[in-house]
């Protein structure tokens, strides 16, 4: 009897340490601008998430369950984002890969937090997203991407040093994302000893920026930092070229897309932008990049970050031994590295990445690549 008791205890221990099998699929909603001016970002989200789900499912899934994706379109519109979030919650989905624009992610996060849904964005960079969540005690709001203040701390001092004594103009599109990153760059550039000659917001969606171009000419702008997206950036460059107004344009991560060159054309030559160190070049991404390219899609921009969100959620479920979002979030913040296509990632208690790094990229002849600062 004594030996049987020991064997039973050992068997029980094995049972407890074995992966917990789930009977149902694990549904993850992928939310971004699937239509509209920023649909290229939504396509990147969708392609990355699907490639990750396919790879994980082919390897046996997550504790025996398959990953199922639910694609949702918020058009980067705050009101639509909240509507989509409410629908996701009503449908009982526990995990979200999204949203894209900070202006959508921030209001939607309140809906997810109240429902206990785990939201992990692969693109929204405004610090308010996770700062507000931490202040409110919302543990399930996370970001597998970089923050504007970190991006500003990287590029602002560089601009101050490289363009010392030059006329720098800082523009933004009045969005949570655009103004957030512009303000971060302004603060760190000023701290580095360089003051802008002008700082202002423009109206996104306009087709005629000739008045702005005239003002840039009058200011004798050498450098323009624009916190915004590719449609406006491309138009500003084209209309500047038409007036023979030349300046160095520097942007945040929003123009890591072929759509920028389609709008700007040759006027986009030499444009610089900040982006997290190119995940396509990482050895961890080699197989994923090859498979995505084989499907006829180039994994630029946020593609691999969306892929990594699916990987992180899957790993969190494995570590937690449950698909309870709060426990998954807790498991993801345990300080241990999580292997993804963008490299090993570590989350802090707030749900932000601890180990983000950046490159300065430059557009040349329709393509972009990192340059030496």
Foldseek 3Di string as FASTA:
>chain_A
DVVVVVVVVVVVVVVVPDFFADPEAQEEEEEEACDDPQNQVLVLLVLLAVLLQVVQVVVQHFNNHGYDYHYYHQNLDQVSLLVVLQVCLVVVRQHYADDAELSNLQNSVVSNQVSQHAYEYLHYAAPCRLVVCVVVVRLRYAYLFYHLLVVLLPVLLVCLVVQPPFAEEEEEAPGSQFVRNSVSSQVNNVVNPDHHPYYYYDHPPDQDPLVVLVVCVVSLHAEYETRYAQQVVLSSLQSNVVVPHDHAYEYELRHFDLVNCVSNPPSQAFHKYKGWDDLCPDPLCVVVQVVSVVVVDGSIRSNQSSNQSSQLLSVLCRQQSHNRSSSSSVSQQPQDWRQGSSGTFHAHSSNYTPDIHMFMWTDHPSHIDGDDD
